[in-house]
Amino acid sequence: MHLREVIDACDVGLCLVDRNKRALIWNPWLADYLGNPPQFSEHSTIEALIPALAGPRFDSMVHL
């Protein structure tokens, strides 16, 4: 199974981010939650996609 298949199979929101906090890929669950098709916001920052995660809250959840 490829990484993308594993991510897509998850029944919770899952997103991979780069060191600049830009979304690289996410699963259909998260795309539905965000209300955006994946191609609309690909490479947007997490803060732009989910403003509630901006700042220290997100930083404490992610270890780069």
PDB file of N, CA and C in Angstrom:
ATOM      1  N   MET A   1       0.849  -1.171   0.000  1.00  0.00           N
ATOM      2  CA  MET A   1       0.000   0.000   0.000  1.00  0.00           C
ATOM      3  C   MET A   1       0.901   1.242   0.000  1.00  0.00           C
ATOM      4  N   HIS A   2       0.535   2.230  -0.788  1.00  0.00           N
ATOM      5  CA  HIS A   2       1.288   3.478  -0.867  1.00  0.00           C
ATOM      6  C   HIS A   2       0.829   4.454   0.203  1.00  0.00           C
ATOM      7  N   LEU A   3       1.681   5.412   0.531  1.00  0.00           N
ATOM      8  CA  LEU A   3       1.380   6.395   1.572  1.00  0.00           C
ATOM      9  C   LEU A   3       0.056   7.103   1.304  1.00  0.00           C
ATOM     10  N   ARG A   4      -0.186   7.503   0.070  1.00  0.00           N
ATOM     11  CA  ARG A   4      -1.430   8.217  -0.256  1.00  0.00           C
ATOM     12  C   ARG A   4      -2.647   7.342   0.037  1.00  0.00           C
ATOM     13  N   GLU A   5      -2.570   6.067  -0.244  1.00  0.00           N
ATOM     14  CA  GLU A   5      -3.688   5.161   0.033  1.00  0.00           C
ATOM     15  C   GLU A   5      -3.946   5.047   1.524  1.00  0.00           C
ATOM     16  N   VAL A   6      -2.892   5.015   2.314  1.00  0.00           N
ATOM     17  CA  VAL A   6      -3.032   4.946   3.769  1.00  0.00           C
ATOM     18  C   VAL A   6      -3.697   6.218   4.283  1.00  0.00           C
ATOM     19  N   ILE A   7      -3.219   7.364   3.829  1.00  0.00           N
ATOM     20  CA  ILE A   7      -3.790   8.642   4.261  1.00  0.00           C
ATOM     21  C   ILE A   7      -5.258   8.733   3.863  1.00  0.00           C
ATOM     22  N   ASP A   8      -5.581   8.373   2.637  1.00  0.00           N
ATOM     23  CA  ASP A   8      -6.969   8.449   2.165  1.00  0.00           C
ATOM     24  C   ASP A   8      -7.888   7.490   2.903  1.00  0.00           C
ATOM     25  N   ALA A   9      -7.359   6.393   3.412  1.00  0.00           N
ATOM     26  CA  ALA A   9      -8.183   5.394   4.093  1.00  0.00           C
ATOM     27  C   ALA A   9      -8.539   5.786   5.526  1.00  0.00           C
ATOM     28  N   CYS A  10      -7.875   6.778   6.087  1.00  0.00           N
ATOM     29  CA  CYS A  10      -8.144   7.186   7.475  1.00  0.00           C
ATOM     30  C   CYS A  10      -9.518   7.837   7.584  1.00  0.00           C
ATOM     31  N   ASP A  11     -10.228   7.510   8.667  1.00  0.00           N
ATOM     32  CA  ASP A  11     -11.559   8.090   8.859  1.00  0.00           C
ATOM     33  C   ASP A  11     -11.534   9.257   9.846  1.00  0.00           C
ATOM     34  N   VAL A  12     -10.398   9.913   9.916  1.00  0.00           N
ATOM     35  CA  VAL A  12     -10.225  11.165  10.658  1.00  0.00           C
ATOM     36  C   VAL A  12      -9.424  12.100   9.753  1.00  0.00           C
ATOM     37  N   GLY A  13      -9.441  13.385  10.061  1.00  0.00           N
ATOM     38  CA  GLY A  13      -8.680  14.334   9.264  1.00  0.00           C
ATOM     39  C   GLY A  13      -7.190  14.130   9.432  1.00  0.00           C
ATOM     40  N   LEU A  14      -6.489  14.074   8.322  1.00  0.00           N
ATOM     41  CA  LEU A  14      -5.048  13.858   8.346  1.00  0.00           C
ATOM     42  C   LEU A  14      -4.403  14.727   7.281  1.00  0.00           C
ATOM     43  N   CYS A  15      -3.338  15.408   7.668  1.00  0.00           N
ATOM     44  CA  CYS A  15      -2.642  16.311   6.756  1.00  0.00           C
ATOM     45  C   CYS A  15      -1.146  16.221   7.008  1.00  0.00           C
ATOM     46  N   LEU A  16      -0.373  16.180   5.940  1.00  0.00           N
ATOM     47  CA  LEU A  16       1.081  16.253   6.046  1.00  0.00           C
ATOM     48  C   LEU A  16       1.499  17.675   5.711  1.00  0.00           C
ATOM     49  N   VAL A  17       2.369  18.242   6.543  1.00  0.00           N
ATOM     50  CA  VAL A  17       2.830  19.609   6.310  1.00  0.00           C
ATOM     51  C   VAL A  17       4.344  19.628   6.166  1.00  0.00           C
ATOM     52  N   ASP A  18       4.839  20.659   5.485  1.00  0.00           N
ATOM     53  CA  ASP A  18       6.287  20.810   5.366  1.00  0.00           C
ATOM     54  C   ASP A  18       6.804  21.713   6.482  1.00  0.00           C
ATOM     55  N   ARG A  19       8.077  22.019   6.454  1.00  0.00           N
ATOM     56  CA  ARG A  19       8.692  22.834   7.515  1.00  0.00           C
ATOM     57  C   ARG A  19       8.145  24.259   7.566  1.00  0.00           C
ATOM     58  N   ASN A  20       7.510  24.697   6.495  1.00  0.00           N
ATOM     59  CA  ASN A  20       6.922  26.035   6.458  1.00  0.00           C
ATOM     60  C   ASN A  20       5.439  26.023   6.816  1.00  0.00           C
ATOM     61  N   LYS A  21       4.982  24.892   7.346  1.00  0.00           N
ATOM     62  CA  LYS A  21       3.583  24.690   7.737  1.00  0.00           C
ATOM     63  C   LYS A  21       2.627  24.775   6.553  1.00  0.00           C
ATOM     64  N   ARG A  22       3.104  24.403   5.381  1.00  0.00           N
ATOM     65  CA  ARG A  22       2.246  24.356   4.196  1.00  0.00           C
ATOM     66  C   ARG A  22       1.743  22.935   4.010  1.00  0.00           C
ATOM     67  N   ALA A  23       0.468  22.834   3.686  1.00  0.00           N
ATOM     68  CA  ALA A  23      -0.140  21.524   3.479  1.00  0.00           C
ATOM     69  C   ALA A  23       0.428  20.891   2.214  1.00  0.00           C
ATOM     70  N   LEU A  24       0.901  19.660   2.345  1.00  0.00           N
ATOM     71  CA  LEU A  24       1.405  18.925   1.193  1.00  0.00           C
ATOM     72  C   LEU A  24       0.327  18.009   0.635  1.00  0.00           C
ATOM     73  N   ILE A  25      -0.256  17.213   1.504  1.00  0.00           N
ATOM     74  CA  ILE A  25      -1.379  16.353   1.122  1.00  0.00           C
ATOM     75  C   ILE A  25      -2.294  16.201   2.323  1.00  0.00           C
ATOM     76  N   TRP A  26      -3.552  15.930   2.051  1.00  0.00           N
ATOM     77  CA  TRP A  26      -4.497  15.608   3.113  1.00  0.00           C
ATOM     78  C   TRP A  26      -5.515  14.643   2.574  1.00  0.00           C
ATOM     79  N   ASN A  27      -6.252  14.040   3.484  1.00  0.00           N
ATOM     80  CA  ASN A  27      -7.185  12.996   3.074  1.00  0.00           C
ATOM     81  C   ASN A  27      -8.566  13.580   2.763  1.00  0.00           C
ATOM     82  N   PRO A  28      -9.432  12.776   2.139  1.00  0.00           N
ATOM     83  CA  PRO A  28     -10.771  13.250   1.785  1.00  0.00           C
ATOM     84  C   PRO A  28     -11.579  13.730   2.986  1.00  0.00           C
ATOM     85  N   TRP A  29     -11.404  13.099   4.149  1.00  0.00           N
ATOM     86  CA  TRP A  29     -12.146  13.526   5.331  1.00  0.00           C
ATOM     87  C   TRP A  29     -11.852  14.989   5.633  1.00  0.00           C
ATOM     88  N   LEU A  30     -10.581  15.366   5.641  1.00  0.00           N
ATOM     89  CA  LEU A  30     -10.204  16.739   5.954  1.00  0.00           C
ATOM     90  C   LEU A  30     -10.644  17.691   4.846  1.00  0.00           C
ATOM     91  N   ALA A  31     -10.549  17.275   3.604  1.00  0.00           N
ATOM     92  CA  ALA A  31     -11.014  18.113   2.495  1.00  0.00           C
ATOM     93  C   ALA A  31     -12.503  18.409   2.642  1.00  0.00           C
ATOM     94  N   ASP A  32     -13.291  17.399   3.009  1.00  0.00           N
ATOM     95  CA  ASP A  32     -14.727  17.609   3.234  1.00  0.00           C
ATOM     96  C   ASP A  32     -14.960  18.550   4.401  1.00  0.00           C
ATOM     97  N   TYR A  33     -14.208  18.369   5.475  1.00  0.00           N
ATOM     98  CA  TYR A  33     -14.347  19.214   6.659  1.00  0.00           C
ATOM     99  C   TYR A  33     -14.030  20.672   6.332  1.00  0.00           C
ATOM    100  N   LEU A  34     -12.983  20.885   5.538  1.00  0.00           N
ATOM    101  CA  LEU A  34     -12.583  22.239   5.173  1.00  0.00           C
ATOM    102  C   LEU A  34     -13.516  22.867   4.148  1.00  0.00           C
ATOM    103  N   GLY A  35     -14.289  22.026   3.461  1.00  0.00           N
ATOM    104  CA  GLY A  35     -15.195  22.533   2.444  1.00  0.00           C
ATOM    105  C   GLY A  35     -14.501  22.958   1.163  1.00  0.00           C
ATOM    106  N   ASN A  36     -13.276  22.503   0.962  1.00  0.00           N
ATOM    107  CA  ASN A  36     -12.507  22.843  -0.229  1.00  0.00           C
ATOM    108  C   ASN A  36     -12.049  21.574  -0.929  1.00  0.00           C
ATOM    109  N   PRO A  37     -12.160  21.541  -2.237  1.00  0.00           N
ATOM    110  CA  PRO A  37     -11.549  20.407  -2.929  1.00  0.00           C
ATOM    111  C   PRO A  37     -10.033  20.506  -2.790  1.00  0.00           C
ATOM    112  N   PRO A  38      -9.326  19.386  -2.754  1.00  0.00           N
ATOM    113  CA  PRO A  38      -7.880  19.411  -2.534  1.00  0.00           C
ATOM    114  C   PRO A  38      -7.108  20.351  -3.453  1.00  0.00           C
ATOM    115  N   GLN A  39      -7.480  20.459  -4.720  1.00  0.00           N
ATOM    116  CA  GLN A  39      -6.718  21.305  -5.631  1.00  0.00           C
ATOM    117  C   GLN A  39      -6.906  22.793  -5.339  1.00  0.00           C
ATOM    118  N   PHE A  40      -7.966  23.166  -4.608  1.00  0.00           N
ATOM    119  CA  PHE A  40      -8.225  24.579  -4.317  1.00  0.00           C
ATOM    120  C   PHE A  40      -7.193  25.165  -3.382  1.00  0.00           C
ATOM    121  N   SER A  41      -6.811  24.423  -2.366  1.00  0.00           N
ATOM    122  CA  SER A  41      -5.948  25.003  -1.348  1.00  0.00           C
ATOM    123  C   SER A  41      -4.638  24.241  -1.153  1.00  0.00           C
ATOM    124  N   GLU A  42      -4.244  23.477  -2.134  1.00  0.00           N
ATOM    125  CA  GLU A  42      -2.978  22.748  -2.042  1.00  0.00           C
ATOM    126  C   GLU A  42      -1.835  23.731  -1.797  1.00  0.00           C
ATOM    127  N   HIS A  43      -0.994  23.426  -0.880  1.00  0.00           N
ATOM    128  CA  HIS A  43       0.165  24.229  -0.489  1.00  0.00           C
ATOM    129  C   HIS A  43      -0.202  25.501   0.266  1.00  0.00           C
ATOM    130  N   SER A  44      -1.433  25.611   0.718  1.00  0.00           N
ATOM    131  CA  SER A  44      -1.793  26.706   1.617  1.00  0.00           C
ATOM    132  C   SER A  44      -1.254  26.375   3.000  1.00  0.00           C
ATOM    133  N   THR A  45      -1.042  27.394   3.798  1.00  0.00           N
ATOM    134  CA  THR A  45      -0.588  27.138   5.161  1.00  0.00           C
ATOM    135  C   THR A  45      -1.744  26.587   5.985  1.00  0.00           C
ATOM    136  N   ILE A  46      -1.401  25.874   7.042  1.00  0.00           N
ATOM    137  CA  ILE A  46      -2.422  25.341   7.938  1.00  0.00           C
ATOM    138  C   ILE A  46      -3.230  26.476   8.543  1.00  0.00           C
ATOM    139  N   GLU A  47      -2.560  27.579   8.884  1.00  0.00           N
ATOM    140  CA  GLU A  47      -3.270  28.718   9.458  1.00  0.00           C
ATOM    141  C   GLU A  47      -4.308  29.280   8.493  1.00  0.00           C
ATOM    142  N   ALA A  48      -4.003  29.269   7.193  1.00  0.00           N
ATOM    143  CA  ALA A  48      -4.962  29.751   6.199  1.00  0.00           C
ATOM    144  C   ALA A  48      -6.126  28.780   6.041  1.00  0.00           C
ATOM    145  N   LEU A  49      -5.841  27.488   6.134  1.00  0.00           N
ATOM    146  CA  LEU A  49      -6.885  26.477   5.978  1.00  0.00           C
ATOM    147  C   LEU A  49      -7.781  26.382   7.206  1.00  0.00           C
ATOM    148  N   ILE A  50      -7.157  26.420   8.380  1.00  0.00           N
ATOM    149  CA  ILE A  50      -7.889  26.257   9.641  1.00  0.00           C
ATOM    150  C   ILE A  50      -7.413  27.356  10.597  1.00  0.00           C
ATOM    151  N   PRO A  51      -7.996  28.555  10.513  1.00  0.00           N
ATOM    152  CA  PRO A  51      -7.531  29.681  11.327  1.00  0.00           C
ATOM    153  C   PRO A  51      -7.491  29.399  12.827  1.00  0.00           C
ATOM    154  N   ALA A  52      -8.351  28.524  13.311  1.00  0.00           N
ATOM    155  CA  ALA A  52      -8.361  28.212  14.747  1.00  0.00           C
ATOM    156  C   ALA A  52      -7.055  27.564  15.200  1.00  0.00           C
ATOM    157  N   LEU A  53      -6.287  27.033  14.263  1.00  0.00           N
ATOM    158  CA  LEU A  53      -5.025  26.391  14.619  1.00  0.00           C
ATOM    159  C   LEU A  53      -3.836  27.337  14.548  1.00  0.00           C
ATOM    160  N   ALA A  54      -4.068  28.587  14.237  1.00  0.00           N
ATOM    161  CA  ALA A  54      -2.964  29.543  14.127  1.00  0.00           C
ATOM    162  C   ALA A  54      -2.298  29.757  15.481  1.00  0.00           C
ATOM    163  N   GLY A  55      -0.994  29.867  15.452  1.00  0.00           N
ATOM    164  CA  GLY A  55      -0.256  30.218  16.657  1.00  0.00           C
ATOM    165  C   GLY A  55       0.247  29.046  17.462  1.00  0.00           C
ATOM    166  N   PRO A  56       0.399  29.268  18.768  1.00  0.00           N
ATOM    167  CA  PRO A  56       1.054  28.286  19.636  1.00  0.00           C
ATOM    168  C   PRO A  56       0.346  26.938  19.708  1.00  0.00           C
ATOM    169  N   ARG A  57      -0.967  26.927  19.544  1.00  0.00           N
ATOM    170  CA  ARG A  57      -1.693  25.650  19.612  1.00  0.00           C
ATOM    171  C   ARG A  57      -1.181  24.685  18.545  1.00  0.00           C
ATOM    172  N   PHE A  58      -1.109  25.149  17.312  1.00  0.00           N
ATOM    173  CA  PHE A  58      -0.619  24.301  16.229  1.00  0.00           C
ATOM    174  C   PHE A  58       0.855  23.970  16.435  1.00  0.00           C
ATOM    175  N   ASP A  59       1.633  24.970  16.806  1.00  0.00           N
ATOM    176  CA  ASP A  59       3.067  24.754  17.005  1.00  0.00           C
ATOM    177  C   ASP A  59       3.346  23.673  18.042  1.00  0.00           C
ATOM    178  N   SER A  60       2.508  23.585  19.061  1.00  0.00           N
ATOM    179  CA  SER A  60       2.724  22.568  20.093  1.00  0.00           C
ATOM    180  C   SER A  60       2.338  21.167  19.625  1.00  0.00           C
ATOM    181  N   MET A  61       1.525  21.071  18.563  1.00  0.00           N
ATOM    182  CA  MET A  61       1.091  19.769  18.053  1.00  0.00           C
ATOM    183  C   MET A  61       2.042  19.198  17.018  1.00  0.00           C
ATOM    184  N   VAL A  62       2.867  20.047  16.423  1.00  0.00           N
ATOM    185  CA  VAL A  62       3.720  19.627  15.319  1.00  0.00           C
ATOM    186  C   VAL A  62       5.180  19.786  15.710  1.00  0.00           C
ATOM    187  N   HIS A  63       5.941  18.753  15.449  1.00  0.00           N
ATOM    188  CA  HIS A  63       7.376  18.795  15.708  1.00  0.00           C
ATOM    189  C   HIS A  63       8.091  18.709  14.374  1.00  0.00           C
ATOM    190  N   LEU A  64       8.747  19.794  14.005  1.00  0.00           N
ATOM    191  CA  LEU A  64       9.432  19.845  12.712  1.00  0.00           C
ATOM    192  C   LEU A  64      10.888  19.472  12.857  1.00  0.00           C
TER     193      LEU A  64
END
